[in-house]
């Protein structure tokens, strides 16, 4: 969340173009960018880091949350993304992991809102922590 604070530079919300991958190279495999779609509200995976791809059973890139029962309206993940969209504030939380990697013990996410207009949340910058059994 400190990176998000640094790139917003005193504004209410940073923009997508404020993210500089060269400043966070070790985090890139654990990063996602998720589009916020309006009318009706939905979310779509735009970019998914390689570590996230590795622990999921299929590529999420391009998929809408409404197309996946585990992510659809009413799920805990949907609720977290909706909260970030409505409050325009970052949120951290635990994510129920349902996947085939038996070494994944826990998954947490940090959702950070972005806005191209300075007001409405248009994208969510996500950092994922994957805890594996050692």
N, C-alpha and C. Protein backbone atom coordinates (compact mmCIF):
# COMPACT_ATOMS: atom_id res chain seq x y z
N UNK A 1 0.82 -1.19 0.00
CA UNK A 1 0.00 0.00 0.00
C UNK A 1 0.87 1.26 0.00
N UNK A 2 2.09 1.16 0.51
CA UNK A 2 2.98 2.32 0.52
C UNK A 2 3.33 2.76 -0.91
N UNK A 3 3.45 1.80 -1.83
CA UNK A 3 3.72 2.15 -3.23
C UNK A 3 2.55 2.96 -3.79
N UNK A 4 1.31 2.51 -3.52
CA UNK A 4 0.12 3.23 -3.97
C UNK A 4 0.12 4.65 -3.43
N UNK A 5 0.43 4.80 -2.14
CA UNK A 5 0.50 6.13 -1.53
C UNK A 5 1.52 7.00 -2.25
N UNK A 6 2.67 6.43 -2.58
CA UNK A 6 3.73 7.21 -3.21
C UNK A 6 3.35 7.66 -4.63
N UNK A 7 2.61 6.85 -5.37
CA UNK A 7 2.29 7.23 -6.74
C UNK A 7 1.07 8.14 -6.85
N UNK A 8 0.31 8.25 -5.80
CA UNK A 8 -0.85 9.15 -5.92
C UNK A 8 -0.44 10.60 -5.76
N UNK A 9 0.74 10.86 -5.21
CA UNK A 9 1.32 12.22 -5.19
C UNK A 9 0.34 13.29 -4.72
N UNK A 10 -0.35 13.04 -3.62
CA UNK A 10 -1.26 14.03 -3.06
C UNK A 10 -2.65 14.07 -3.69
N UNK A 11 -2.86 13.34 -4.78
CA UNK A 11 -4.18 13.29 -5.40
C UNK A 11 -5.04 12.28 -4.66
N UNK A 12 -6.34 12.33 -4.88
CA UNK A 12 -7.24 11.36 -4.25
C UNK A 12 -6.91 9.95 -4.71
N UNK A 13 -6.68 9.79 -6.02
CA UNK A 13 -6.40 8.47 -6.59
C UNK A 13 -5.32 8.58 -7.66
N UNK A 14 -4.40 7.62 -7.70
CA UNK A 14 -3.42 7.62 -8.79
C UNK A 14 -4.06 7.11 -10.08
N UNK A 15 -3.36 7.36 -11.20
CA UNK A 15 -3.79 6.87 -12.51
C UNK A 15 -2.99 5.62 -12.86
N UNK A 16 -3.46 4.88 -13.84
CA UNK A 16 -2.74 3.69 -14.32
C UNK A 16 -1.34 4.06 -14.78
N UNK A 17 -1.20 5.18 -15.47
CA UNK A 17 0.10 5.59 -16.00
C UNK A 17 1.10 5.96 -14.90
N UNK A 18 0.64 6.11 -13.68
CA UNK A 18 1.54 6.41 -12.56
C UNK A 18 2.31 5.17 -12.11
N UNK A 19 1.83 3.99 -12.46
CA UNK A 19 2.50 2.75 -12.07
C UNK A 19 3.72 2.56 -12.96
N UNK A 20 4.88 2.44 -12.34
CA UNK A 20 6.14 2.25 -13.06
C UNK A 20 6.68 0.86 -12.72
N UNK A 21 6.55 -0.09 -13.65
CA UNK A 21 7.00 -1.46 -13.37
C UNK A 21 8.48 -1.55 -12.96
N UNK A 22 9.30 -0.60 -13.42
CA UNK A 22 10.72 -0.65 -13.06
C UNK A 22 10.95 -0.36 -11.57
N UNK A 23 9.97 0.23 -10.91
CA UNK A 23 10.08 0.51 -9.47
C UNK A 23 9.68 -0.69 -8.61
N UNK A 24 8.99 -1.66 -9.21
CA UNK A 24 8.48 -2.80 -8.43
C UNK A 24 8.76 -4.14 -9.14
N UNK A 25 9.96 -4.37 -9.64
CA UNK A 25 10.20 -5.58 -10.44
C UNK A 25 9.94 -6.89 -9.70
N UNK A 26 10.25 -6.95 -8.40
CA UNK A 26 10.04 -8.20 -7.65
C UNK A 26 8.56 -8.48 -7.40
N UNK A 27 7.74 -7.45 -7.47
CA UNK A 27 6.30 -7.63 -7.24
C UNK A 27 5.53 -8.02 -8.50
N UNK A 28 6.09 -7.79 -9.67
CA UNK A 28 5.35 -7.98 -10.91
C UNK A 28 4.69 -9.35 -11.06
N UNK A 29 5.32 -10.45 -10.65
CA UNK A 29 4.64 -11.74 -10.77
C UNK A 29 3.38 -11.86 -9.90
N UNK A 30 3.23 -10.96 -8.94
CA UNK A 30 2.12 -11.00 -7.97
C UNK A 30 1.13 -9.85 -8.17
N UNK A 31 1.20 -9.19 -9.32
CA UNK A 31 0.37 -8.01 -9.58
C UNK A 31 -0.73 -8.35 -10.57
N UNK A 32 -1.89 -7.72 -10.36
CA UNK A 32 -2.98 -7.77 -11.33
C UNK A 32 -3.50 -6.35 -11.55
N UNK A 33 -4.02 -6.11 -12.74
CA UNK A 33 -4.79 -4.91 -13.03
C UNK A 33 -6.18 -5.39 -13.42
N UNK A 34 -7.18 -4.83 -12.78
CA UNK A 34 -8.57 -5.24 -13.00
C UNK A 34 -9.38 -4.02 -13.40
N UNK A 35 -10.02 -4.09 -14.57
CA UNK A 35 -10.88 -3.01 -15.04
C UNK A 35 -12.18 -3.01 -14.24
N UNK A 36 -12.66 -1.82 -13.92
CA UNK A 36 -13.98 -1.66 -13.30
C UNK A 36 -14.93 -1.26 -14.42
N UNK A 37 -15.93 -2.09 -14.66
CA UNK A 37 -16.91 -1.85 -15.71
C UNK A 37 -18.21 -1.35 -15.07
N UNK A 38 -18.82 -0.38 -15.71
CA UNK A 38 -20.06 0.19 -15.16
C UNK A 38 -21.26 -0.19 -16.02
N UNK A 39 -22.43 -0.11 -15.40
CA UNK A 39 -23.72 -0.26 -16.09
C UNK A 39 -23.86 -1.57 -16.85
N UNK A 40 -23.99 -2.68 -16.24
CA UNK A 40 -23.97 -2.92 -14.80
C UNK A 40 -22.54 -3.11 -14.30
N UNK A 41 -22.38 -2.97 -13.01
CA UNK A 41 -21.07 -3.13 -12.40
C UNK A 41 -20.52 -4.53 -12.65
N UNK A 42 -19.27 -4.58 -13.08
CA UNK A 42 -18.57 -5.84 -13.27
C UNK A 42 -17.07 -5.52 -13.22
N UNK A 43 -16.26 -6.54 -13.18
CA UNK A 43 -14.81 -6.39 -13.13
C UNK A 43 -14.21 -7.34 -14.15
N UNK A 44 -13.11 -6.91 -14.79
CA UNK A 44 -12.47 -7.75 -15.82
C UNK A 44 -10.95 -7.74 -15.61
N UNK A 45 -10.37 -8.93 -15.60
CA UNK A 45 -8.92 -9.06 -15.47
C UNK A 45 -8.24 -8.53 -16.73
N UNK A 46 -7.43 -7.51 -16.58
CA UNK A 46 -6.67 -6.93 -17.70
C UNK A 46 -5.26 -7.52 -17.75
N UNK A 47 -4.60 -7.59 -16.61
CA UNK A 47 -3.24 -8.10 -16.53
C UNK A 47 -3.15 -9.00 -15.31
N UNK A 48 -2.52 -10.16 -15.47
CA UNK A 48 -2.38 -11.11 -14.37
C UNK A 48 -0.93 -11.55 -14.33
N UNK A 49 -0.28 -11.39 -13.16
CA UNK A 49 1.12 -11.76 -13.00
C UNK A 49 1.35 -13.26 -13.15
N UNK A 50 2.59 -13.62 -13.46
CA UNK A 50 2.93 -15.02 -13.73
C UNK A 50 2.73 -15.94 -12.53
N UNK A 51 2.98 -15.47 -11.32
CA UNK A 51 2.77 -16.30 -10.13
C UNK A 51 1.29 -16.56 -9.89
N UNK A 52 0.47 -15.58 -10.20
CA UNK A 52 -0.97 -15.75 -10.06
C UNK A 52 -1.47 -16.74 -11.11
N UNK A 53 -0.97 -16.59 -12.33
CA UNK A 53 -1.31 -17.57 -13.39
C UNK A 53 -0.90 -18.98 -12.96
N UNK A 54 0.24 -19.09 -12.30
CA UNK A 54 0.76 -20.41 -11.92
C UNK A 54 -0.11 -21.13 -10.89
N UNK A 55 -0.79 -20.40 -10.03
CA UNK A 55 -1.59 -21.07 -8.99
C UNK A 55 -3.07 -21.21 -9.37
N UNK A 56 -3.46 -20.61 -10.49
CA UNK A 56 -4.84 -20.79 -10.94
C UNK A 56 -4.90 -21.90 -11.97
N UNK A 57 -6.04 -22.48 -12.10
CA UNK A 57 -6.18 -23.62 -13.01
C UNK A 57 -6.34 -23.20 -14.47
N UNK A 58 -6.57 -21.89 -14.71
CA UNK A 58 -6.67 -21.39 -16.09
C UNK A 58 -6.35 -19.91 -16.10
N UNK A 59 -6.08 -19.40 -17.27
CA UNK A 59 -5.76 -17.98 -17.40
C UNK A 59 -7.00 -17.14 -17.11
N UNK A 60 -6.83 -16.12 -16.31
CA UNK A 60 -7.94 -15.23 -15.96
C UNK A 60 -8.01 -14.02 -16.89
N UNK A 61 -6.94 -13.75 -17.61
CA UNK A 61 -6.84 -12.56 -18.45
C UNK A 61 -8.06 -12.44 -19.37
N UNK A 62 -8.71 -11.26 -19.31
CA UNK A 62 -9.87 -11.00 -20.15
C UNK A 62 -11.20 -11.46 -19.57
N UNK A 63 -11.16 -12.27 -18.53
CA UNK A 63 -12.39 -12.82 -17.94
C UNK A 63 -13.07 -11.79 -17.05
N UNK A 64 -14.39 -11.74 -17.16
CA UNK A 64 -15.20 -10.91 -16.26
C UNK A 64 -15.51 -11.72 -15.01
N UNK A 65 -15.60 -11.04 -13.88
CA UNK A 65 -15.95 -11.72 -12.64
C UNK A 65 -17.31 -12.39 -12.76
N UNK A 66 -18.24 -11.74 -13.45
CA UNK A 66 -19.60 -12.28 -13.58
C UNK A 66 -19.63 -13.60 -14.34
N UNK A 67 -18.54 -13.94 -15.03
CA UNK A 67 -18.46 -15.19 -15.80
C UNK A 67 -17.95 -16.36 -14.96
N UNK A 68 -17.59 -16.10 -13.71
CA UNK A 68 -17.00 -17.12 -12.85
C UNK A 68 -17.78 -17.15 -11.54
N UNK A 69 -18.42 -18.26 -11.23
CA UNK A 69 -19.27 -18.36 -10.03
C UNK A 69 -18.51 -18.01 -8.74
N UNK A 70 -17.22 -18.32 -8.68
CA UNK A 70 -16.42 -18.02 -7.47
C UNK A 70 -16.15 -16.53 -7.29
N UNK A 71 -16.29 -15.77 -8.38
CA UNK A 71 -16.00 -14.34 -8.36
C UNK A 71 -17.23 -13.47 -8.53
N UNK A 72 -18.34 -14.06 -8.90
CA UNK A 72 -19.54 -13.32 -9.30
C UNK A 72 -20.18 -12.57 -8.13
N UNK A 73 -21.16 -11.76 -8.47
CA UNK A 73 -21.91 -10.96 -7.50
C UNK A 73 -22.30 -11.81 -6.29
N UNK A 74 -22.03 -11.29 -5.10
CA UNK A 74 -22.35 -12.01 -3.87
C UNK A 74 -21.17 -12.74 -3.26
N UNK A 75 -20.11 -12.97 -4.05
CA UNK A 75 -18.93 -13.64 -3.50
C UNK A 75 -18.12 -12.65 -2.65
N UNK A 76 -17.28 -13.16 -1.77
CA UNK A 76 -16.43 -12.30 -0.95
C UNK A 76 -15.51 -11.45 -1.81
N UNK A 77 -14.98 -12.03 -2.87
CA UNK A 77 -14.08 -11.26 -3.75
C UNK A 77 -14.85 -10.12 -4.43
N UNK A 78 -16.03 -10.42 -4.97
CA UNK A 78 -16.86 -9.36 -5.58
C UNK A 78 -17.12 -8.25 -4.56
N UNK A 79 -17.45 -8.64 -3.35
CA UNK A 79 -17.74 -7.65 -2.31
C UNK A 79 -16.53 -6.77 -2.01
N UNK A 80 -15.32 -7.36 -1.97
CA UNK A 80 -14.11 -6.58 -1.73
C UNK A 80 -13.89 -5.56 -2.86
N UNK A 81 -14.02 -6.00 -4.10
CA UNK A 81 -13.81 -5.10 -5.24
C UNK A 81 -14.88 -4.00 -5.28
N UNK A 82 -16.10 -4.35 -4.94
CA UNK A 82 -17.17 -3.36 -4.89
C UNK A 82 -16.89 -2.32 -3.81
N UNK A 83 -16.44 -2.78 -2.65
CA UNK A 83 -16.11 -1.85 -1.56
C UNK A 83 -15.03 -0.86 -1.99
N UNK A 84 -13.99 -1.33 -2.65
CA UNK A 84 -12.91 -0.45 -3.12
C UNK A 84 -13.44 0.54 -4.15
N UNK A 85 -14.30 0.06 -5.04
CA UNK A 85 -14.89 0.93 -6.06
C UNK A 85 -15.74 2.02 -5.43
N UNK A 86 -16.53 1.67 -4.43
CA UNK A 86 -17.44 2.64 -3.81
C UNK A 86 -16.74 3.58 -2.84
N UNK A 87 -15.80 3.07 -2.04
CA UNK A 87 -15.16 3.91 -1.03
C UNK A 87 -13.95 4.67 -1.57
N UNK A 88 -13.40 4.18 -2.72
CA UNK A 88 -12.21 4.77 -3.32
C UNK A 88 -11.01 4.68 -2.38
N UNK A 89 -11.01 3.66 -1.53
CA UNK A 89 -9.94 3.44 -0.57
C UNK A 89 -9.35 2.03 -0.75
N UNK A 90 -8.05 1.86 -0.49
CA UNK A 90 -7.45 0.52 -0.56
C UNK A 90 -8.06 -0.41 0.48
N UNK A 91 -7.95 -1.69 0.21
CA UNK A 91 -8.49 -2.71 1.11
C UNK A 91 -7.58 -3.93 1.05
N UNK A 92 -7.32 -4.54 2.18
CA UNK A 92 -6.57 -5.79 2.22
C UNK A 92 -7.46 -6.87 2.81
N UNK A 93 -7.19 -8.11 2.41
CA UNK A 93 -7.98 -9.20 2.95
C UNK A 93 -7.49 -10.55 2.47
N UNK A 94 -8.04 -11.56 3.08
CA UNK A 94 -7.72 -12.95 2.75
C UNK A 94 -8.63 -13.41 1.62
N UNK A 95 -8.09 -14.24 0.75
CA UNK A 95 -8.83 -14.79 -0.37
C UNK A 95 -8.87 -16.30 -0.21
N UNK A 96 -10.06 -16.89 -0.32
CA UNK A 96 -10.16 -18.35 -0.27
C UNK A 96 -9.50 -18.92 -1.51
N UNK A 97 -8.50 -19.75 -1.32
CA UNK A 97 -7.80 -20.35 -2.45
C UNK A 97 -8.46 -21.67 -2.82
N UNK A 98 -8.89 -21.74 -4.07
CA UNK A 98 -9.44 -22.97 -4.61
C UNK A 98 -8.65 -23.24 -5.88
N UNK A 99 -7.69 -24.11 -5.77
CA UNK A 99 -6.85 -24.40 -6.93
C UNK A 99 -6.16 -25.73 -6.75
N UNK A 100 -5.31 -26.05 -7.69
CA UNK A 100 -4.68 -27.36 -7.70
C UNK A 100 -3.29 -27.39 -7.07
N UNK A 101 -2.73 -26.24 -6.70
CA UNK A 101 -1.40 -26.21 -6.10
C UNK A 101 -1.50 -26.56 -4.62
N UNK A 102 -1.13 -27.78 -4.27
CA UNK A 102 -1.31 -28.25 -2.89
C UNK A 102 -0.35 -27.58 -1.90
N UNK A 103 0.62 -26.82 -2.40
CA UNK A 103 1.57 -26.14 -1.54
C UNK A 103 1.14 -24.73 -1.15
N UNK A 104 0.04 -24.24 -1.74
CA UNK A 104 -0.48 -22.93 -1.38
C UNK A 104 -1.26 -23.06 -0.08
N UNK A 105 -0.81 -22.34 0.93
CA UNK A 105 -1.45 -22.39 2.24
C UNK A 105 -2.42 -21.24 2.45
N UNK A 106 -2.08 -20.06 1.91
CA UNK A 106 -2.91 -18.89 2.15
C UNK A 106 -2.68 -17.88 1.02
N UNK A 107 -3.71 -17.11 0.72
CA UNK A 107 -3.61 -16.05 -0.28
C UNK A 107 -4.27 -14.80 0.30
N UNK A 108 -3.56 -13.69 0.17
CA UNK A 108 -4.10 -12.40 0.61
C UNK A 108 -3.98 -11.43 -0.56
N UNK A 109 -4.89 -10.46 -0.59
CA UNK A 109 -4.78 -9.45 -1.64
C UNK A 109 -4.86 -8.05 -1.05
N UNK A 110 -4.24 -7.12 -1.75
CA UNK A 110 -4.33 -5.70 -1.43
C UNK A 110 -4.87 -5.02 -2.67
N UNK A 111 -6.06 -4.47 -2.56
CA UNK A 111 -6.75 -3.82 -3.68
C UNK A 111 -6.59 -2.31 -3.55
N UNK A 112 -6.07 -1.69 -4.61
CA UNK A 112 -5.79 -0.25 -4.59
C UNK A 112 -6.45 0.42 -5.78
N UNK A 113 -7.37 1.35 -5.54
CA UNK A 113 -8.12 1.97 -6.64
C UNK A 113 -7.27 2.92 -7.48
N UNK A 114 -7.57 2.94 -8.77
CA UNK A 114 -6.96 3.87 -9.72
C UNK A 114 -8.09 4.60 -10.44
N UNK A 115 -7.80 5.80 -10.92
CA UNK A 115 -8.81 6.56 -11.65
C UNK A 115 -8.16 7.38 -12.75
N UNK A 116 -8.68 7.27 -13.95
CA UNK A 116 -8.20 8.09 -15.06
C UNK A 116 -8.79 9.49 -14.99
N UNK A 117 -9.92 9.63 -14.31
CA UNK A 117 -10.63 10.92 -14.25
C UNK A 117 -10.36 11.67 -12.96
N UNK A 118 -9.77 11.00 -11.98
CA UNK A 118 -9.56 11.63 -10.68
C UNK A 118 -10.73 11.42 -9.74
N UNK A 119 -11.82 10.89 -10.22
CA UNK A 119 -13.00 10.69 -9.39
C UNK A 119 -13.44 9.25 -9.33
N UNK A 120 -14.04 8.78 -10.40
CA UNK A 120 -14.58 7.43 -10.48
C UNK A 120 -13.44 6.41 -10.58
N UNK A 121 -13.56 5.32 -9.83
CA UNK A 121 -12.56 4.25 -9.90
C UNK A 121 -12.76 3.52 -11.23
N UNK A 122 -11.71 3.50 -12.05
CA UNK A 122 -11.79 2.88 -13.38
C UNK A 122 -10.97 1.59 -13.46
N UNK A 123 -10.09 1.38 -12.48
CA UNK A 123 -9.24 0.20 -12.48
C UNK A 123 -8.80 -0.06 -11.03
N UNK A 124 -8.50 -1.32 -10.74
CA UNK A 124 -7.99 -1.67 -9.42
C UNK A 124 -6.64 -2.36 -9.61
N UNK A 125 -5.65 -1.82 -8.92
CA UNK A 125 -4.29 -2.32 -8.92
C UNK A 125 -4.22 -3.30 -7.74
N UNK A 126 -3.86 -4.55 -8.01
CA UNK A 126 -3.93 -5.60 -7.00
C UNK A 126 -2.54 -6.21 -6.78
N UNK A 127 -2.15 -6.31 -5.53
CA UNK A 127 -0.94 -7.04 -5.15
C UNK A 127 -1.40 -8.27 -4.37
N UNK A 128 -0.89 -9.43 -4.76
CA UNK A 128 -1.30 -10.69 -4.15
C UNK A 128 -0.12 -11.30 -3.40
N UNK A 129 -0.39 -11.76 -2.20
CA UNK A 129 0.62 -12.48 -1.42
C UNK A 129 0.21 -13.95 -1.39
N UNK A 130 1.11 -14.80 -1.84
CA UNK A 130 0.87 -16.24 -1.85
C UNK A 130 1.78 -16.87 -0.81
N UNK A 131 1.18 -17.50 0.19
CA UNK A 131 1.95 -18.18 1.24
C UNK A 131 1.94 -19.67 0.93
N UNK A 132 3.14 -20.22 0.78
CA UNK A 132 3.26 -21.63 0.47
C UNK A 132 3.78 -22.42 1.67
N UNK A 133 3.43 -23.69 1.72
CA UNK A 133 3.96 -24.58 2.74
C UNK A 133 5.45 -24.75 2.45
N UNK A 134 6.27 -24.62 3.48
CA UNK A 134 7.72 -24.74 3.23
C UNK A 134 8.23 -26.13 3.44
